[in-house]
PDB file of N, CA and C in Angstrom:
ATOM      1  N   UNK A   1     -20.063   1.821   8.663  1.00  0.00           N
ATOM      2  CA  UNK A   1     -18.989   1.025   8.158  1.00  0.00           C
ATOM      3  C   UNK A   1     -18.299   1.671   6.958  1.00  0.00           C
ATOM      4  N   UNK A   2     -18.912   2.703   6.416  1.00  0.00           N
ATOM      5  CA  UNK A   2     -18.258   3.420   5.315  1.00  0.00           C
ATOM      6  C   UNK A   2     -16.957   4.058   5.800  1.00  0.00           C
ATOM      7  N   UNK A   3     -16.874   4.346   7.108  1.00  0.00           N
ATOM      8  CA  UNK A   3     -15.648   4.908   7.670  1.00  0.00           C
ATOM      9  C   UNK A   3     -14.479   3.941   7.506  1.00  0.00           C
ATOM     10  N   UNK A   4     -14.720   2.655   7.713  1.00  0.00           N
ATOM     11  CA  UNK A   4     -13.646   1.668   7.573  1.00  0.00           C
ATOM     12  C   UNK A   4     -13.125   1.628   6.138  1.00  0.00           C
ATOM     13  N   UNK A   5     -14.027   1.656   5.176  1.00  0.00           N
ATOM     14  CA  UNK A   5     -13.622   1.632   3.771  1.00  0.00           C
ATOM     15  C   UNK A   5     -12.902   2.930   3.409  1.00  0.00           C
ATOM     16  N   UNK A   6     -13.346   4.041   3.949  1.00  0.00           N
ATOM     17  CA  UNK A   6     -12.663   5.316   3.719  1.00  0.00           C
ATOM     18  C   UNK A   6     -11.246   5.270   4.281  1.00  0.00           C
ATOM     19  N   UNK A   7     -11.083   4.683   5.459  1.00  0.00           N
ATOM     20  CA  UNK A   7      -9.747   4.544   6.038  1.00  0.00           C
ATOM     21  C   UNK A   7      -8.864   3.633   5.185  1.00  0.00           C
ATOM     22  N   UNK A   8      -9.451   2.574   4.643  1.00  0.00           N
ATOM     23  CA  UNK A   8      -8.693   1.702   3.736  1.00  0.00           C
ATOM     24  C   UNK A   8      -8.174   2.522   2.555  1.00  0.00           C
ATOM     25  N   UNK A   9      -9.032   3.335   1.980  1.00  0.00           N
ATOM     26  CA  UNK A   9      -8.643   4.164   0.833  1.00  0.00           C
ATOM     27  C   UNK A   9      -7.523   5.132   1.195  1.00  0.00           C
ATOM     28  N   UNK A  10      -7.640   5.769   2.361  1.00  0.00           N
ATOM     29  CA  UNK A  10      -6.628   6.724   2.806  1.00  0.00           C
ATOM     30  C   UNK A  10      -5.287   6.023   2.980  1.00  0.00           C
ATOM     31  N   UNK A  11      -5.293   4.860   3.634  1.00  0.00           N
ATOM     32  CA  UNK A  11      -4.034   4.165   3.878  1.00  0.00           C
ATOM     33  C   UNK A  11      -3.448   3.563   2.604  1.00  0.00           C
ATOM     34  N   UNK A  12      -4.264   3.221   1.635  1.00  0.00           N
ATOM     35  CA  UNK A  12      -3.739   2.770   0.340  1.00  0.00           C
ATOM     36  C   UNK A  12      -2.960   3.915  -0.309  1.00  0.00           C
ATOM     37  N   UNK A  13      -3.524   5.106  -0.298  1.00  0.00           N
ATOM     38  CA  UNK A  13      -2.845   6.266  -0.903  1.00  0.00           C
ATOM     39  C   UNK A  13      -1.562   6.587  -0.136  1.00  0.00           C
ATOM     40  N   UNK A  14      -1.611   6.543   1.191  1.00  0.00           N
ATOM     41  CA  UNK A  14      -0.406   6.797   1.993  1.00  0.00           C
ATOM     42  C   UNK A  14       0.672   5.756   1.702  1.00  0.00           C
ATOM     43  N   UNK A  15       0.268   4.489   1.573  1.00  0.00           N
ATOM     44  CA  UNK A  15       1.227   3.433   1.246  1.00  0.00           C
ATOM     45  C   UNK A  15       1.853   3.674  -0.118  1.00  0.00           C
ATOM     46  N   UNK A  16       1.053   4.131  -1.080  1.00  0.00           N
ATOM     47  CA  UNK A  16       1.586   4.434  -2.410  1.00  0.00           C
ATOM     48  C   UNK A  16       2.623   5.553  -2.347  1.00  0.00           C
ATOM     49  N   UNK A  17       2.361   6.554  -1.530  1.00  0.00           N
ATOM     50  CA  UNK A  17       3.310   7.667  -1.397  1.00  0.00           C
ATOM     51  C   UNK A  17       4.630   7.166  -0.802  1.00  0.00           C
ATOM     52  N   UNK A  18       4.544   6.401   0.278  1.00  0.00           N
ATOM     53  CA  UNK A  18       5.762   5.881   0.914  1.00  0.00           C
ATOM     54  C   UNK A  18       6.526   4.958  -0.027  1.00  0.00           C
ATOM     55  N   UNK A  19       5.814   4.083  -0.711  1.00  0.00           N
ATOM     56  CA  UNK A  19       6.477   3.148  -1.619  1.00  0.00           C
ATOM     57  C   UNK A  19       7.137   3.854  -2.796  1.00  0.00           C
ATOM     58  N   UNK A  20       6.533   4.923  -3.276  1.00  0.00           N
ATOM     59  CA  UNK A  20       7.145   5.695  -4.358  1.00  0.00           C
ATOM     60  C   UNK A  20       8.465   6.302  -3.894  1.00  0.00           C
ATOM     61  N   UNK A  21       8.469   6.856  -2.690  1.00  0.00           N
ATOM     62  CA  UNK A  21       9.706   7.418  -2.138  1.00  0.00           C
ATOM     63  C   UNK A  21      10.768   6.351  -1.922  1.00  0.00           C
ATOM     64  N   UNK A  22      10.361   5.211  -1.383  1.00  0.00           N
ATOM     65  CA  UNK A  22      11.315   4.125  -1.162  1.00  0.00           C
ATOM     66  C   UNK A  22      11.876   3.597  -2.481  1.00  0.00           C
ATOM     67  N   UNK A  23      11.027   3.427  -3.476  1.00  0.00           N
ATOM     68  CA  UNK A  23      11.482   2.939  -4.776  1.00  0.00           C
ATOM     69  C   UNK A  23      12.467   3.928  -5.404  1.00  0.00           C
ATOM     70  N   UNK A  24      12.223   5.206  -5.222  1.00  0.00           N
ATOM     71  CA  UNK A  24      13.142   6.219  -5.739  1.00  0.00           C
ATOM     72  C   UNK A  24      14.527   6.078  -5.104  1.00  0.00           C
ATOM     73  N   UNK A  25      14.552   6.005  -3.775  1.00  0.00           N
ATOM     74  CA  UNK A  25      15.832   5.916  -3.062  1.00  0.00           C
ATOM     75  C   UNK A  25      16.542   4.613  -3.407  1.00  0.00           C
ATOM     76  N   UNK A  26      15.812   3.503  -3.361  1.00  0.00           N
ATOM     77  CA  UNK A  26      16.438   2.208  -3.629  1.00  0.00           C
ATOM     78  C   UNK A  26      16.846   2.087  -5.098  1.00  0.00           C
ATOM     79  N   UNK A  27      16.083   2.665  -5.997  1.00  0.00           N
ATOM     80  CA  UNK A  27      16.460   2.665  -7.405  1.00  0.00           C
ATOM     81  C   UNK A  27      17.724   3.479  -7.645  1.00  0.00           C
ATOM     82  N   UNK A  28      17.816   4.617  -7.005  1.00  0.00           N
ATOM     83  CA  UNK A  28      19.021   5.454  -7.110  1.00  0.00           C
ATOM     84  C   UNK A  28      20.236   4.726  -6.530  1.00  0.00           C
ATOM     85  N   UNK A  29      20.018   4.056  -5.390  1.00  0.00           N
ATOM     86  CA  UNK A  29      21.115   3.292  -4.792  1.00  0.00           C
ATOM     87  C   UNK A  29      21.564   2.156  -5.710  1.00  0.00           C
ATOM     88  N   UNK A  30      20.609   1.477  -6.326  1.00  0.00           N
ATOM     89  CA  UNK A  30      20.979   0.391  -7.222  1.00  0.00           C
ATOM     90  C   UNK A  30      21.732   0.918  -8.442  1.00  0.00           C
ATOM     91  N   UNK A  31      21.320   2.052  -8.961  1.00  0.00           N
ATOM     92  CA  UNK A  31      22.000   2.636 -10.122  1.00  0.00           C
ATOM     93  C   UNK A  31      23.449   3.000  -9.787  1.00  0.00           C
ATOM     94  N   UNK A  32      23.687   3.422  -8.555  1.00  0.00           N
ATOM     95  CA  UNK A  32      25.036   3.816  -8.157  1.00  0.00           C
ATOM     96  C   UNK A  32      25.885   2.628  -7.714  1.00  0.00           C
ATOM     97  N   UNK A  33      25.289   1.705  -6.943  1.00  0.00           N
ATOM     98  CA  UNK A  33      26.071   0.643  -6.303  1.00  0.00           C
ATOM     99  C   UNK A  33      26.032  -0.696  -7.025  1.00  0.00           C
ATOM    100  N   UNK A  34      24.969  -0.962  -7.754  1.00  0.00           N
ATOM    101  CA  UNK A  34      24.768  -2.248  -8.440  1.00  0.00           C
ATOM    102  C   UNK A  34      24.845  -3.440  -7.466  1.00  0.00           C
ATOM    103  N   UNK A  35      24.312  -3.267  -6.258  1.00  0.00           N
ATOM    104  CA  UNK A  35      24.363  -4.354  -5.270  1.00  0.00           C
ATOM    105  C   UNK A  35      23.067  -5.160  -5.298  1.00  0.00           C
ATOM    106  N   UNK A  36      23.184  -6.436  -4.933  1.00  0.00           N
ATOM    107  CA  UNK A  36      22.012  -7.303  -4.876  1.00  0.00           C
ATOM    108  C   UNK A  36      21.025  -6.810  -3.821  1.00  0.00           C
ATOM    109  N   UNK A  37      21.534  -6.285  -2.734  1.00  0.00           N
ATOM    110  CA  UNK A  37      20.675  -5.777  -1.659  1.00  0.00           C
ATOM    111  C   UNK A  37      19.787  -4.644  -2.170  1.00  0.00           C
ATOM    112  N   UNK A  38      20.377  -3.708  -2.880  1.00  0.00           N
ATOM    113  CA  UNK A  38      19.598  -2.591  -3.433  1.00  0.00           C
ATOM    114  C   UNK A  38      18.584  -3.083  -4.459  1.00  0.00           C
ATOM    115  N   UNK A  39      18.985  -4.045  -5.278  1.00  0.00           N
ATOM    116  CA  UNK A  39      18.071  -4.602  -6.271  1.00  0.00           C
ATOM    117  C   UNK A  39      16.904  -5.314  -5.586  1.00  0.00           C
ATOM    118  N   UNK A  40      17.206  -6.067  -4.527  1.00  0.00           N
ATOM    119  CA  UNK A  40      16.153  -6.759  -3.785  1.00  0.00           C
ATOM    120  C   UNK A  40      15.154  -5.785  -3.173  1.00  0.00           C
ATOM    121  N   UNK A  41      15.661  -4.710  -2.585  1.00  0.00           N
ATOM    122  CA  UNK A  41      14.773  -3.701  -2.004  1.00  0.00           C
ATOM    123  C   UNK A  41      13.950  -3.008  -3.083  1.00  0.00           C
ATOM    124  N   UNK A  42      14.564  -2.740  -4.226  1.00  0.00           N
ATOM    125  CA  UNK A  42      13.838  -2.112  -5.331  1.00  0.00           C
ATOM    126  C   UNK A  42      12.730  -3.021  -5.847  1.00  0.00           C
ATOM    127  N   UNK A  43      13.009  -4.307  -6.003  1.00  0.00           N
ATOM    128  CA  UNK A  43      11.984  -5.252  -6.450  1.00  0.00           C
ATOM    129  C   UNK A  43      10.877  -5.404  -5.410  1.00  0.00           C
ATOM    130  N   UNK A  44      11.245  -5.409  -4.135  1.00  0.00           N
ATOM    131  CA  UNK A  44      10.250  -5.448  -3.064  1.00  0.00           C
ATOM    132  C   UNK A  44       9.296  -4.260  -3.189  1.00  0.00           C
ATOM    133  N   UNK A  45       9.866  -3.070  -3.367  1.00  0.00           N
ATOM    134  CA  UNK A  45       9.044  -1.866  -3.511  1.00  0.00           C
ATOM    135  C   UNK A  45       8.172  -1.949  -4.759  1.00  0.00           C
ATOM    136  N   UNK A  46       8.735  -2.477  -5.851  1.00  0.00           N
ATOM    137  CA  UNK A  46       7.971  -2.558  -7.103  1.00  0.00           C
ATOM    138  C   UNK A  46       6.783  -3.512  -6.964  1.00  0.00           C
ATOM    139  N   UNK A  47       7.002  -4.683  -6.369  1.00  0.00           N
ATOM    140  CA  UNK A  47       5.901  -5.632  -6.192  1.00  0.00           C
ATOM    141  C   UNK A  47       4.830  -5.082  -5.247  1.00  0.00           C
ATOM    142  N   UNK A  48       5.260  -4.474  -4.145  1.00  0.00           N
ATOM    143  CA  UNK A  48       4.290  -3.926  -3.199  1.00  0.00           C
ATOM    144  C   UNK A  48       3.582  -2.709  -3.794  1.00  0.00           C
ATOM    145  N   UNK A  49       4.285  -1.952  -4.614  1.00  0.00           N
ATOM    146  CA  UNK A  49       3.664  -0.827  -5.309  1.00  0.00           C
ATOM    147  C   UNK A  49       2.596  -1.335  -6.268  1.00  0.00           C
ATOM    148  N   UNK A  50       2.894  -2.409  -6.990  1.00  0.00           N
ATOM    149  CA  UNK A  50       1.905  -3.006  -7.885  1.00  0.00           C
ATOM    150  C   UNK A  50       0.676  -3.497  -7.133  1.00  0.00           C
ATOM    151  N   UNK A  51       0.894  -4.122  -5.990  1.00  0.00           N
ATOM    152  CA  UNK A  51      -0.232  -4.608  -5.179  1.00  0.00           C
ATOM    153  C   UNK A  51      -1.096  -3.442  -4.697  1.00  0.00           C
ATOM    154  N   UNK A  52      -0.465  -2.368  -4.268  1.00  0.00           N
ATOM    155  CA  UNK A  52      -1.222  -1.210  -3.788  1.00  0.00           C
ATOM    156  C   UNK A  52      -1.902  -0.462  -4.926  1.00  0.00           C
ATOM    157  N   UNK A  53      -1.299  -0.437  -6.114  1.00  0.00           N
ATOM    158  CA  UNK A  53      -1.975   0.167  -7.262  1.00  0.00           C
ATOM    159  C   UNK A  53      -3.222  -0.629  -7.639  1.00  0.00           C
ATOM    160  N   UNK A  54      -3.124  -1.944  -7.558  1.00  0.00           N
ATOM    161  CA  UNK A  54      -4.291  -2.773  -7.839  1.00  0.00           C
ATOM    162  C   UNK A  54      -5.383  -2.543  -6.791  1.00  0.00           C
ATOM    163  N   UNK A  55      -4.981  -2.441  -5.531  1.00  0.00           N
ATOM    164  CA  UNK A  55      -5.946  -2.164  -4.466  1.00  0.00           C
ATOM    165  C   UNK A  55      -6.584  -0.792  -4.663  1.00  0.00           C
ATOM    166  N   UNK A  56      -5.790   0.189  -5.078  1.00  0.00           N
ATOM    167  CA  UNK A  56      -6.341   1.524  -5.336  1.00  0.00           C
ATOM    168  C   UNK A  56      -7.380   1.461  -6.440  1.00  0.00           C
ATOM    169  N   UNK A  57      -7.093   0.681  -7.475  1.00  0.00           N
ATOM    170  CA  UNK A  57      -8.080   0.515  -8.549  1.00  0.00           C
ATOM    171  C   UNK A  57      -9.360  -0.114  -8.001  1.00  0.00           C
ATOM    172  N   UNK A  58      -9.229  -1.166  -7.214  1.00  0.00           N
ATOM    173  CA  UNK A  58     -10.402  -1.855  -6.671  1.00  0.00           C
ATOM    174  C   UNK A  58     -11.214  -0.954  -5.741  1.00  0.00           C
ATOM    175  N   UNK A  59     -10.535  -0.197  -4.892  1.00  0.00           N
ATOM    176  CA  UNK A  59     -11.230   0.581  -3.870  1.00  0.00           C
ATOM    177  C   UNK A  59     -11.630   1.977  -4.328  1.00  0.00           C
ATOM    178  N   UNK A  60     -10.992   2.506  -5.369  1.00  0.00           N
ATOM    179  CA  UNK A  60     -11.259   3.890  -5.762  1.00  0.00           C
ATOM    180  C   UNK A  60     -11.875   4.050  -7.147  1.00  0.00           C
ATOM    181  N   UNK A  61     -11.591   3.142  -8.067  1.00  0.00           N
ATOM    182  CA  UNK A  61     -11.968   3.371  -9.463  1.00  0.00           C
ATOM    183  C   UNK A  61     -13.083   2.449  -9.938  1.00  0.00           C
ATOM    184  N   UNK A  62     -12.932   1.150  -9.743  1.00  0.00           N
ATOM    185  CA  UNK A  62     -13.879   0.179 -10.271  1.00  0.00           C
ATOM    186  C   UNK A  62     -15.243   0.339  -9.605  1.00  0.00           C
ATOM    187  N   UNK A  63     -16.290   0.721 -10.343  1.00  0.00           N
ATOM    188  CA  UNK A  63     -17.584   0.999  -9.728  1.00  0.00           C
ATOM    189  C   UNK A  63     -18.261  -0.251  -9.149  1.00  0.00           C
ATOM    190  N   UNK A  64     -18.117  -1.384  -9.809  1.00  0.00           N
ATOM    191  CA  UNK A  64     -18.775  -2.598  -9.325  1.00  0.00           C
ATOM    192  C   UNK A  64     -18.154  -3.085  -8.030  1.00  0.00           C
ATOM    193  N   UNK A  65     -16.838  -3.170  -8.012  1.00  0.00           N
ATOM    194  CA  UNK A  65     -16.161  -3.666  -6.821  1.00  0.00           C
ATOM    195  C   UNK A  65     -16.277  -2.685  -5.665  1.00  0.00           C
ATOM    196  N   UNK A  66     -16.214  -1.395  -5.963  1.00  0.00           N
ATOM    197  CA  UNK A  66     -16.373  -0.397  -4.907  1.00  0.00           C
ATOM    198  C   UNK A  66     -17.758  -0.491  -4.273  1.00  0.00           C
ATOM    199  N   UNK A  67     -18.776  -0.659  -5.090  1.00  0.00           N
ATOM    200  CA  UNK A  67     -20.141  -0.800  -4.558  1.00  0.00           C
ATOM    201  C   UNK A  67     -20.272  -2.058  -3.714  1.00  0.00           C
ATOM    202  N   UNK A  68     -19.625  -3.130  -4.129  1.00  0.00           N
ATOM    203  CA  UNK A  68     -19.694  -4.383  -3.370  1.00  0.00           C
ATOM    204  C   UNK A  68     -18.962  -4.267  -2.038  1.00  0.00           C
ATOM    205  N   UNK A  69     -17.759  -3.693  -2.048  1.00  0.00           N
ATOM    206  CA  UNK A  69     -16.952  -3.591  -0.826  1.00  0.00           C
ATOM    207  C   UNK A  69     -17.614  -2.683   0.198  1.00  0.00           C
ATOM    208  N   UNK A  70     -18.251  -1.619  -0.241  1.00  0.00           N
ATOM    209  CA  UNK A  70     -18.855  -0.663   0.694  1.00  0.00           C
ATOM    210  C   UNK A  70     -20.222  -1.101   1.192  1.00  0.00           C
ATOM    211  N   UNK A  71     -20.777  -2.176   0.647  1.00  0.00           N
ATOM    212  CA  UNK A  71     -22.092  -2.666   1.068  1.00  0.00           C
ATOM    213  C   UNK A  71     -21.936  -3.593   2.268  1.00  0.00           C
ATOM    214  N   UNK A  72     -22.376  -3.164   3.465  1.00  0.00           N
ATOM    215  CA  UNK A  72     -22.201  -4.002   4.663  1.00  0.00           C
ATOM    216  C   UNK A  72     -23.040  -5.287   4.642  1.00  0.00           C
ATOM    217  N   UNK A  73     -24.038  -5.345   3.759  1.00  0.00           N
ATOM    218  CA  UNK A  73     -24.828  -6.570   3.658  1.00  0.00           C
ATOM    219  C   UNK A  73     -24.065  -7.658   2.905  1.00  0.00           C
ATOM    220  N   UNK A  74     -23.177  -7.266   2.006  1.00  0.00           N
ATOM    221  CA  UNK A  74     -22.415  -8.228   1.228  1.00  0.00           C
ATOM    222  C   UNK A  74     -21.020  -8.482   1.801  1.00  0.00           C
ATOM    223  N   UNK A  75     -20.405  -7.456   2.342  1.00  0.00           N
ATOM    224  CA  UNK A  75     -19.105  -7.591   3.001  1.00  0.00           C
ATOM    225  C   UNK A  75     -19.305  -7.181   4.454  1.00  0.00           C
ATOM    226  N   UNK A  76     -19.270  -8.140   5.374  1.00  0.00           N
ATOM    227  CA  UNK A  76     -19.539  -7.830   6.779  1.00  0.00           C
ATOM    228  C   UNK A  76     -18.540  -6.823   7.347  1.00  0.00           C
ATOM    229  N   UNK A  77     -18.982  -6.073   8.340  1.00  0.00           N
ATOM    230  CA  UNK A  77     -18.085  -5.088   8.966  1.00  0.00           C
ATOM    231  C   UNK A  77     -16.795  -5.709   9.503  1.00  0.00           C
ATOM    232  N   UNK A  78     -16.853  -6.961   9.934  1.00  0.00           N
ATOM    233  CA  UNK A  78     -15.638  -7.626  10.423  1.00  0.00           C
ATOM    234  C   UNK A  78     -14.603  -7.732   9.292  1.00  0.00           C
ATOM    235  N   UNK A  79     -15.056  -8.077   8.090  1.00  0.00           N
ATOM    236  CA  UNK A  79     -14.147  -8.173   6.943  1.00  0.00           C
ATOM    237  C   UNK A  79     -13.625  -6.790   6.555  1.00  0.00           C
ATOM    238  N   UNK A  80     -14.475  -5.786   6.607  1.00  0.00           N
ATOM    239  CA  UNK A  80     -14.029  -4.430   6.303  1.00  0.00           C
ATOM    240  C   UNK A  80     -12.984  -3.974   7.329  1.00  0.00           C
ATOM    241  N   UNK A  81     -13.207  -4.311   8.586  1.00  0.00           N
ATOM    242  CA  UNK A  81     -12.237  -3.984   9.634  1.00  0.00           C
ATOM    243  C   UNK A  81     -10.916  -4.709   9.432  1.00  0.00           C
ATOM    244  N   UNK A  82     -10.995  -5.951   8.989  1.00  0.00           N
ATOM    245  CA  UNK A  82      -9.775  -6.716   8.721  1.00  0.00           C
ATOM    246  C   UNK A  82      -8.992  -6.096   7.571  1.00  0.00           C
ATOM    247  N   UNK A  83      -9.696  -5.691   6.506  1.00  0.00           N
ATOM    248  CA  UNK A  83      -9.019  -5.042   5.381  1.00  0.00           C
ATOM    249  C   UNK A  83      -8.350  -3.750   5.837  1.00  0.00           C
ATOM    250  N   UNK A  84      -9.046  -2.989   6.687  1.00  0.00           N
ATOM    251  CA  UNK A  84      -8.489  -1.743   7.188  1.00  0.00           C
ATOM    252  C   UNK A  84      -7.274  -2.025   8.073  1.00  0.00           C
ATOM    253  N   UNK A  85      -7.360  -3.032   8.929  1.00  0.00           N
ATOM    254  CA  UNK A  85      -6.246  -3.373   9.820  1.00  0.00           C
ATOM    255  C   UNK A  85      -4.996  -3.754   9.027  1.00  0.00           C
ATOM    256  N   UNK A  86      -5.172  -4.534   7.960  1.00  0.00           N
ATOM    257  CA  UNK A  86      -4.029  -4.928   7.139  1.00  0.00           C
ATOM    258  C   UNK A  86      -3.357  -3.715   6.498  1.00  0.00           C
ATOM    259  N   UNK A  87      -4.148  -2.779   6.017  1.00  0.00           N
ATOM    260  CA  UNK A  87      -3.581  -1.566   5.398  1.00  0.00           C
ATOM    261  C   UNK A  87      -2.865  -0.701   6.436  1.00  0.00           C
ATOM    262  N   UNK A  88      -3.422  -0.618   7.645  1.00  0.00           N
ATOM    263  CA  UNK A  88      -2.785   0.172   8.702  1.00  0.00           C
ATOM    264  C   UNK A  88      -1.465  -0.482   9.122  1.00  0.00           C
ATOM    265  N   UNK A  89      -1.456  -1.812   9.262  1.00  0.00           N
ATOM    266  CA  UNK A  89      -0.219  -2.514   9.613  1.00  0.00           C
ATOM    267  C   UNK A  89       0.836  -2.357   8.515  1.00  0.00           C
ATOM    268  N   UNK A  90       0.402  -2.431   7.275  1.00  0.00           N
ATOM    269  CA  UNK A  90       1.325  -2.228   6.160  1.00  0.00           C
ATOM    270  C   UNK A  90       1.902  -0.822   6.205  1.00  0.00           C
ATOM    271  N   UNK A  91       1.059   0.166   6.491  1.00  0.00           N
ATOM    272  CA  UNK A  91       1.527   1.541   6.590  1.00  0.00           C
ATOM    273  C   UNK A  91       2.559   1.677   7.711  1.00  0.00           C
ATOM    274  N   UNK A  92       2.299   1.040   8.848  1.00  0.00           N
ATOM    275  CA  UNK A  92       3.247   1.106   9.964  1.00  0.00           C
ATOM    276  C   UNK A  92       4.602   0.538   9.576  1.00  0.00           C
ATOM    277  N   UNK A  93       4.596  -0.602   8.906  1.00  0.00           N
ATOM    278  CA  UNK A  93       5.852  -1.191   8.454  1.00  0.00           C
ATOM    279  C   UNK A  93       6.565  -0.319   7.444  1.00  0.00           C
ATOM    280  N   UNK A  94       5.820   0.212   6.500  1.00  0.00           N
ATOM    281  CA  UNK A  94       6.431   1.084   5.483  1.00  0.00           C
ATOM    282  C   UNK A  94       6.931   2.394   6.085  1.00  0.00           C
ATOM    283  N   UNK A  95       6.208   2.923   7.062  1.00  0.00           N
ATOM    284  CA  UNK A  95       6.650   4.163   7.710  1.00  0.00           C
ATOM    285  C   UNK A  95       7.975   3.938   8.434  1.00  0.00           C
ATOM    286  N   UNK A  96       8.095   2.813   9.122  1.00  0.00           N
ATOM    287  CA  UNK A  96       9.349   2.513   9.814  1.00  0.00           C
ATOM    288  C   UNK A  96      10.468   2.275   8.807  1.00  0.00           C
ATOM    289  N   UNK A  97      10.173   1.563   7.744  1.00  0.00           N
ATOM    290  CA  UNK A  97      11.162   1.302   6.701  1.00  0.00           C
ATOM    291  C   UNK A  97      11.588   2.604   6.017  1.00  0.00           C
ATOM    292  N   UNK A  98      10.650   3.500   5.806  1.00  0.00           N
ATOM    293  CA  UNK A  98      10.980   4.804   5.219  1.00  0.00           C
ATOM    294  C   UNK A  98      11.870   5.605   6.157  1.00  0.00           C
ATOM    295  N   UNK A  99      11.540   5.578   7.440  1.00  0.00           N
ATOM    296  CA  UNK A  99      12.334   6.315   8.432  1.00  0.00           C
ATOM    297  C   UNK A  99      13.779   5.796   8.464  1.00  0.00           C
ATOM    298  N   UNK A 100      13.947   4.470   8.463  1.00  0.00           N
ATOM    299  CA  UNK A 100      15.299   3.913   8.504  1.00  0.00           C
ATOM    300  C   UNK A 100      16.035   4.147   7.184  1.00  0.00           C
ATOM    301  N   UNK A 101      15.322   4.163   6.078  1.00  0.00           N
ATOM    302  CA  UNK A 101      15.959   4.379   4.775  1.00  0.00           C
ATOM    303  C   UNK A 101      16.433   5.824   4.624  1.00  0.00           C
ATOM    304  N   UNK A 102      15.600   6.765   5.038  1.00  0.00           N
ATOM    305  CA  UNK A 102      15.945   8.178   4.860  1.00  0.00           C
ATOM    306  C   UNK A 102      16.894   8.706   5.928  1.00  0.00           C
ATOM    307  N   UNK A 103      17.098   7.927   6.997  1.00  0.00           N
ATOM    308  CA  UNK A 103      17.960   8.379   8.098  1.00  0.00           C
ATOM    309  C   UNK A 103      19.420   8.316   7.733  1.00  0.00           C
TER     310      UNK A 103
END
C-alpha cells in the first residue's frame, strides 16, 4: 500500500507544477486585460494551489501525519486508494485545463 501513498505524492507534485503554470498565465492575462474571468481563474488557481501545498506538507514533510497516512493498520488501503484516485482525477482535470489554456 506504500505504492498508493507514493502515487499520491507524485500527483500532488504534478498538480503543483500544472497549477503554477496556470497561475502564471492567468495572472499575466489579468494584468493585461483586467477582466473578471481572468481574475476568477487566477483565484481558482491560487486556492487550489494552497490546497495542494497543504497536501504536500501533510504527505511529504510532517513526520507524524506521514507516518499515520502510510500505516495500513490506521488508514485502510481503501482510503489510501480513494486519496490516490482524487489526486489522479484532479491531475486529469488540470492537465486538460492546462492544454486548453496553453493552446
